[in-house]
């Protein structure tokens, strides 16, 4: 073991005592609640996503589901949080829902293929599109969130966020045939409701208005409702639990909305004023800049 500086000896024991002490602060409360095994949760998530998206052989499915259900039971039993049901029942319900999750993901892949002319095959979408990975994790995490495994669901969502740049809270409700094109920077808040056939582009935020005391809003609907057949372009921000984007609407890039719009609306920002000049003429007596 490497030696430590001698000067540390004088402060080592007081520092250890201070760090080991329990108090009434948030970190002490978190330690008292207990921490799930994040590495095991992430490894379990990765394997479960691959099973749902790709595995077809009955023998492999039997072996994988047996092993993954046992690992999930271990994660849930080690979790300090109260569940809506007993861990064994939660695992059974989760395993039972996997065929439906796969069916929804198959529709999401079809929506990506139909919505993105750059896609050349379904396999390409499954293995290479970050939105499919993020939505796959979400559809699994959302089921666990509903069963009360909220810390596990949040670990899953944040793992997907770190890998894809797409931040979907596991509490968000997402309809069928959902597609995020590109995806980087998309944020979908906890109480968001998304209808069927919704398409988002990169940088979209479906968020909450920020009150001075956010804790008062806990448990209330804080994020928008997006009805069926809505397209929201890059950089748009839609905020507030009372905000409803009506069916069939189009929200243009960089739009900021905190109020509802009726069905079949098109919302655009005014085009910015732009200046066009001939670079070949330069600026007399001025520096030779590229802008």
Protein backbone atom coordinates (compact mmCIF):
# COMPACT_ATOMS: atom_id res chain seq x y z
CA UNK A 1 0.00 0.00 0.00
CA UNK A 2 1.44 3.44 -0.89
CA UNK A 3 2.53 5.50 2.07
CA UNK A 4 0.58 8.64 2.88
CA UNK A 5 1.99 12.04 3.77
CA UNK A 6 2.91 12.24 7.46
CA UNK A 7 1.02 15.51 7.78
CA UNK A 8 -2.22 13.56 7.21
CA UNK A 9 -1.76 11.68 10.50
CA UNK A 10 -2.79 14.70 12.53
CA UNK A 11 -6.12 15.08 10.72
CA UNK A 12 -6.90 11.49 9.74
CA UNK A 13 -8.85 10.29 12.79
CA UNK A 14 -10.95 13.46 13.20
CA UNK A 15 -11.82 13.30 9.51
CA UNK A 16 -12.83 9.63 9.75
CA UNK A 17 -14.99 10.37 12.79
CA UNK A 18 -16.71 13.27 11.03
CA UNK A 19 -17.39 11.28 7.86
CA UNK A 20 -18.67 8.28 9.83
CA UNK A 21 -21.07 10.36 11.93
CA UNK A 22 -24.77 10.31 11.17
CA UNK A 23 -26.81 13.47 11.19
CA UNK A 24 -30.06 14.93 9.97
CA UNK A 25 -28.69 16.04 6.60
CA UNK A 26 -29.85 14.64 3.26
CA UNK A 27 -26.79 12.41 2.74
CA UNK A 28 -27.22 10.83 6.17
CA UNK A 29 -30.87 10.17 5.41
CA UNK A 30 -29.91 8.60 2.06
CA UNK A 31 -27.39 6.33 3.79
CA UNK A 32 -30.05 5.27 6.30
CA UNK A 33 -32.43 4.44 3.47
CA UNK A 34 -29.80 2.26 1.79
CA UNK A 35 -28.43 2.13 -1.72
CA UNK A 36 -29.22 -0.52 -4.35
CA UNK A 37 -26.36 -2.14 -6.25
CA UNK A 38 -26.16 0.21 -9.24
CA UNK A 39 -23.70 -1.94 -11.19
CA UNK A 40 -25.94 -5.00 -10.88
CA UNK A 41 -29.00 -2.95 -11.86
CA UNK A 42 -27.25 -1.64 -14.98
CA UNK A 43 -25.99 -5.10 -15.99
CA UNK A 44 -29.47 -6.54 -15.50
CA UNK A 45 -30.99 -3.72 -17.56
CA UNK A 46 -28.59 -4.25 -20.46
CA UNK A 47 -29.31 -7.97 -20.64
CA UNK A 48 -33.07 -7.55 -20.32
CA UNK A 49 -33.16 -4.99 -23.13
CA UNK A 50 -31.26 -7.34 -25.42
CA UNK A 51 -33.62 -10.19 -24.58
CA UNK A 52 -36.73 -8.15 -25.35
CA UNK A 53 -35.35 -6.68 -28.57
CA UNK A 54 -33.55 -9.68 -30.05
CA UNK A 55 -33.85 -13.10 -28.39
CA UNK A 56 -36.13 -15.62 -30.14
CA UNK A 57 -34.93 -19.14 -29.30
CA UNK A 58 -37.19 -20.84 -26.70
CA UNK A 59 -34.32 -22.59 -24.91
CA UNK A 60 -32.33 -19.37 -24.64
CA UNK A 61 -35.42 -17.45 -23.53
CA UNK A 62 -36.12 -20.01 -20.82
CA UNK A 63 -32.59 -19.85 -19.49
CA UNK A 64 -32.37 -16.07 -19.70
CA UNK A 65 -35.76 -15.40 -18.12
CA UNK A 66 -35.02 -17.76 -15.27
CA UNK A 67 -31.71 -16.09 -14.57
CA UNK A 68 -32.92 -12.52 -15.06
CA UNK A 69 -36.00 -13.02 -12.88
CA UNK A 70 -33.78 -14.32 -10.09
CA UNK A 71 -31.46 -11.35 -10.42
CA UNK A 72 -34.40 -8.94 -10.42
CA UNK A 73 -35.75 -10.55 -7.25
CA UNK A 74 -32.37 -10.05 -5.60
CA UNK A 75 -32.27 -6.38 -6.64
CA UNK A 76 -35.78 -5.75 -5.35
CA UNK A 77 -35.20 -7.54 -2.05
CA UNK A 78 -32.06 -5.50 -1.47
CA UNK A 79 -33.87 -2.26 -2.23
CA UNK A 80 -34.94 -0.29 0.83
CA UNK A 81 -38.03 1.25 -0.72
CA UNK A 82 -41.60 0.12 -0.13
CA UNK A 83 -43.12 -1.71 -3.10
CA UNK A 84 -46.72 -1.66 -4.30
CA UNK A 85 -46.62 -5.48 -4.10
CA UNK A 86 -44.28 -8.09 -2.65
CA UNK A 87 -41.02 -8.54 -4.61
CA UNK A 88 -41.95 -12.04 -5.81
CA UNK A 89 -45.27 -10.78 -7.16
CA UNK A 90 -43.56 -7.79 -8.79
CA UNK A 91 -41.13 -10.09 -10.61
CA UNK A 92 -43.97 -12.31 -11.85
CA UNK A 93 -45.92 -9.31 -13.14
CA UNK A 94 -42.84 -7.91 -14.83
CA UNK A 95 -42.03 -11.18 -16.61
CA UNK A 96 -45.66 -11.50 -17.69
CA UNK A 97 -45.60 -8.04 -19.30
CA UNK A 98 -42.55 -8.69 -21.50
CA UNK A 99 -44.49 -9.93 -24.59
CA UNK A 100 -46.56 -6.74 -24.54
CA UNK A 101 -43.42 -4.62 -24.13
CA UNK A 102 -41.88 -6.37 -27.14
CA UNK A 103 -45.03 -5.72 -29.19
CA UNK A 104 -44.90 -2.00 -28.35
CA UNK A 105 -41.19 -1.86 -29.23
CA UNK A 106 -41.84 -3.57 -32.56
CA UNK A 107 -44.27 -0.76 -33.35
CA UNK A 108 -41.68 1.81 -32.27
CA UNK A 109 -39.17 0.27 -34.70
CA UNK A 110 -41.77 0.40 -37.48
CA UNK A 111 -42.45 4.07 -36.66
CA UNK A 112 -38.71 4.80 -36.91
CA UNK A 113 -38.48 3.03 -40.26
CA UNK A 114 -41.48 4.93 -41.62
CA UNK A 115 -40.40 8.26 -40.13
CA UNK A 116 -36.72 8.31 -41.05
CA UNK A 117 -35.85 8.04 -44.76
CA UNK A 118 -32.20 7.48 -43.77
CA UNK A 119 -33.05 4.08 -42.29
CA UNK A 120 -32.30 1.15 -44.59
CA UNK A 121 -33.43 -1.83 -42.51
CA UNK A 122 -35.22 -2.80 -39.32
CA UNK A 123 -32.04 -4.42 -37.99
CA UNK A 124 -30.16 -1.15 -38.41
CA UNK A 125 -32.76 0.62 -36.28
CA UNK A 126 -32.64 -2.00 -33.53
CA UNK A 127 -28.86 -2.05 -33.17
CA UNK A 128 -27.89 1.52 -34.11
CA UNK A 129 -30.66 3.97 -33.22
CA UNK A 130 -30.20 5.55 -29.78
CA UNK A 131 -33.90 6.36 -29.54
CA UNK A 132 -34.84 2.67 -29.72
CA UNK A 133 -32.40 1.84 -26.93
CA UNK A 134 -33.74 4.68 -24.78
CA UNK A 135 -37.38 3.82 -25.43
CA UNK A 136 -36.75 0.12 -24.81
CA UNK A 137 -35.29 0.91 -21.41
CA UNK A 138 -38.17 3.28 -20.73
CA UNK A 139 -40.88 0.76 -21.55
CA UNK A 140 -39.28 -1.71 -19.12
CA UNK A 141 -38.54 0.89 -16.44
CA UNK A 142 -42.07 2.31 -16.66
CA UNK A 143 -43.51 -1.10 -15.72
CA UNK A 144 -41.21 -1.37 -12.71
CA UNK A 145 -41.97 2.22 -11.72
CA UNK A 146 -45.66 1.35 -11.66
CA UNK A 147 -44.95 -1.63 -9.40
CA UNK A 148 -43.17 0.64 -6.92
CA UNK A 149 -39.57 -0.20 -7.85
CA UNK A 150 -38.86 3.48 -8.36
CA UNK A 151 -35.19 3.62 -7.46
CA UNK A 152 -34.40 0.74 -9.84
CA UNK A 153 -36.48 2.41 -12.55
CA UNK A 154 -34.58 5.67 -12.08
CA UNK A 155 -31.22 3.88 -12.29
CA UNK A 156 -32.37 2.30 -15.55
CA UNK A 157 -33.53 5.63 -16.97
CA UNK A 158 -30.32 7.44 -16.03
CA UNK A 159 -28.23 4.65 -17.53
CA UNK A 160 -30.12 5.06 -20.81
CA UNK A 161 -29.69 8.83 -20.52
CA UNK A 162 -25.93 8.51 -20.11
CA UNK A 163 -25.67 6.20 -23.13
CA UNK A 164 -28.04 7.95 -25.54
CA UNK A 165 -28.40 11.56 -24.41
CA UNK A 166 -32.16 10.99 -24.13
CA UNK A 167 -33.65 11.70 -20.69
CA UNK A 168 -37.03 10.01 -20.14
CA UNK A 169 -38.37 9.82 -16.61
CA UNK A 170 -39.75 6.31 -15.95
CA UNK A 171 -43.01 7.81 -14.73
CA UNK A 172 -43.80 9.32 -18.15
CA UNK A 173 -46.61 7.62 -20.08
CA UNK A 174 -45.79 7.03 -23.75
CA UNK A 175 -48.26 5.78 -26.35
CA UNK A 176 -47.77 3.50 -29.32
CA UNK A 177 -45.55 3.99 -32.39
CA UNK A 178 -43.29 6.54 -30.71
CA UNK A 179 -40.17 7.81 -32.46
CA UNK A 180 -37.43 10.25 -31.51
CA UNK A 181 -35.31 11.23 -34.51
CA UNK A 182 -31.64 11.78 -33.61
CA UNK A 183 -32.56 12.21 -29.95
CA UNK A 184 -29.69 14.02 -28.27
CA UNK A 185 -30.92 16.43 -25.62
CA UNK A 186 -34.53 15.24 -25.46
CA UNK A 187 -36.07 15.56 -21.98
CA UNK A 188 -39.44 14.01 -21.06
CA UNK A 189 -40.60 14.70 -17.51
CA UNK A 190 -42.26 12.41 -14.99
CA UNK A 191 -45.92 13.31 -15.50
CA UNK A 192 -45.80 13.77 -19.29
CA UNK A 193 -48.56 12.03 -21.21
CA UNK A 194 -47.77 11.17 -24.84
CA UNK A 195 -50.41 9.84 -27.20
CA UNK A 196 -49.96 7.51 -30.15
CA UNK A 197 -47.81 8.23 -33.21
CA UNK A 198 -45.91 11.11 -31.64
CA UNK A 199 -42.60 12.08 -33.23
CA UNK A 200 -39.95 14.22 -31.55
CA UNK A 201 -36.66 15.61 -32.78
CA UNK A 202 -33.44 16.36 -30.92
CA UNK A 203 -33.41 18.91 -28.14
CA UNK A 204 -37.13 18.79 -27.35
CA UNK A 205 -38.04 19.46 -23.72
CA UNK A 206 -41.37 18.34 -22.29
CA UNK A 207 -40.88 19.85 -18.87
CA UNK A 208 -42.37 21.56 -15.85
CA UNK A 209 -42.60 25.17 -14.88
CA UNK A 210 -40.24 25.72 -11.96
CA UNK A 211 -41.92 27.01 -8.78
CA UNK A 212 -39.92 28.52 -5.95
CA UNK A 213 -40.80 25.54 -3.76
CA UNK A 214 -40.80 22.51 -6.04
CA UNK A 215 -41.62 20.07 -3.23
CA UNK A 216 -45.17 21.48 -3.14
CA UNK A 217 -45.69 20.15 -6.67
CA UNK A 218 -44.65 16.59 -5.84
CA UNK A 219 -47.39 14.16 -6.82
CA UNK A 220 -49.18 16.65 -9.08
CA UNK A 221 -49.21 16.74 -12.89
CA UNK A 222 -46.41 19.12 -13.82
CA UNK A 223 -45.59 18.19 -17.42
CA UNK A 224 -47.54 18.59 -20.67
CA UNK A 225 -49.95 16.31 -22.44
CA UNK A 226 -49.16 15.60 -26.10
CA UNK A 227 -52.10 14.12 -27.97
CA UNK A 228 -52.02 11.67 -30.89
CA UNK A 229 -50.25 12.37 -34.19
CA UNK A 230 -48.19 15.34 -32.98
CA UNK A 231 -44.77 16.26 -34.39
CA UNK A 232 -42.42 18.43 -32.36
CA UNK A 233 -39.29 19.73 -34.08
CA UNK A 234 -35.79 20.30 -32.76
CA UNK A 235 -35.24 22.57 -29.79
CA UNK A 236 -38.88 23.12 -28.92
CA UNK A 237 -39.74 23.58 -25.23
CA UNK A 238 -43.22 22.78 -23.91
CA UNK A 239 -43.82 23.31 -20.20
CA UNK A 240 -46.57 22.89 -17.62
CA UNK A 241 -49.02 20.29 -16.41
CA UNK A 242 -52.01 22.18 -17.83
CA UNK A 243 -50.47 22.49 -21.29
CA UNK A 244 -52.12 20.28 -23.91
CA UNK A 245 -50.86 20.00 -27.49
CA UNK A 246 -53.91 19.09 -29.53
CA UNK A 247 -54.10 16.08 -31.79
CA UNK A 248 -52.43 16.37 -35.19
CA UNK A 249 -50.51 19.54 -34.33
CA UNK A 250 -47.02 20.52 -35.46
CA UNK A 251 -44.73 22.47 -33.15
CA UNK A 252 -41.83 24.05 -34.99
CA UNK A 253 -38.18 24.20 -34.00
CA UNK A 254 -37.17 26.38 -31.02
CA UNK A 255 -40.78 27.19 -30.12
CA UNK A 256 -41.46 27.98 -26.44
CA UNK A 257 -44.95 27.01 -25.23
CA UNK A 258 -46.52 27.27 -21.79
CA UNK A 259 -50.15 27.19 -22.92
CA UNK A 260 -52.39 24.73 -24.75
CA UNK A 261 -53.02 24.73 -28.48
CA UNK A 262 -56.07 23.23 -30.23
CA UNK A 263 -55.96 20.18 -32.51
CA UNK A 264 -54.44 20.56 -35.99
CA UNK A 265 -52.43 23.65 -35.01
CA UNK A 266 -49.11 24.71 -36.47
CA UNK A 267 -46.90 26.79 -34.18
CA UNK A 268 -43.81 28.49 -35.59
CA UNK A 269 -41.52 31.25 -34.40
CA UNK A 270 -40.96 34.24 -36.64
CA UNK A 271 -37.97 33.86 -38.93
CA UNK A 272 -34.99 35.82 -37.59
CA UNK A 273 -33.63 38.75 -39.59
CA UNK A 274 -30.59 37.61 -41.59
CA UNK A 275 -27.91 39.56 -43.40
CA UNK A 276 -26.38 38.40 -46.70
CA UNK A 277 -23.11 39.85 -47.97
CA UNK A 278 -20.60 39.02 -50.69
CA UNK A 279 -17.40 37.66 -49.10
CA UNK A 280 -15.42 38.18 -52.29
CA UNK A 281 -15.66 41.95 -51.84
CA UNK A 282 -14.33 41.87 -48.28
CA UNK A 283 -14.43 44.86 -45.98
CA UNK A 284 -12.34 47.80 -47.16
CA UNK A 285 -9.49 48.38 -44.79
CA UNK A 286 -10.86 45.89 -42.26
CA UNK A 287 -9.58 42.54 -40.99
CA UNK A 288 -10.00 39.44 -43.15
CA UNK A 289 -12.48 37.51 -40.97
CA UNK A 290 -14.48 34.41 -41.85
CA UNK A 291 -17.61 35.98 -40.37
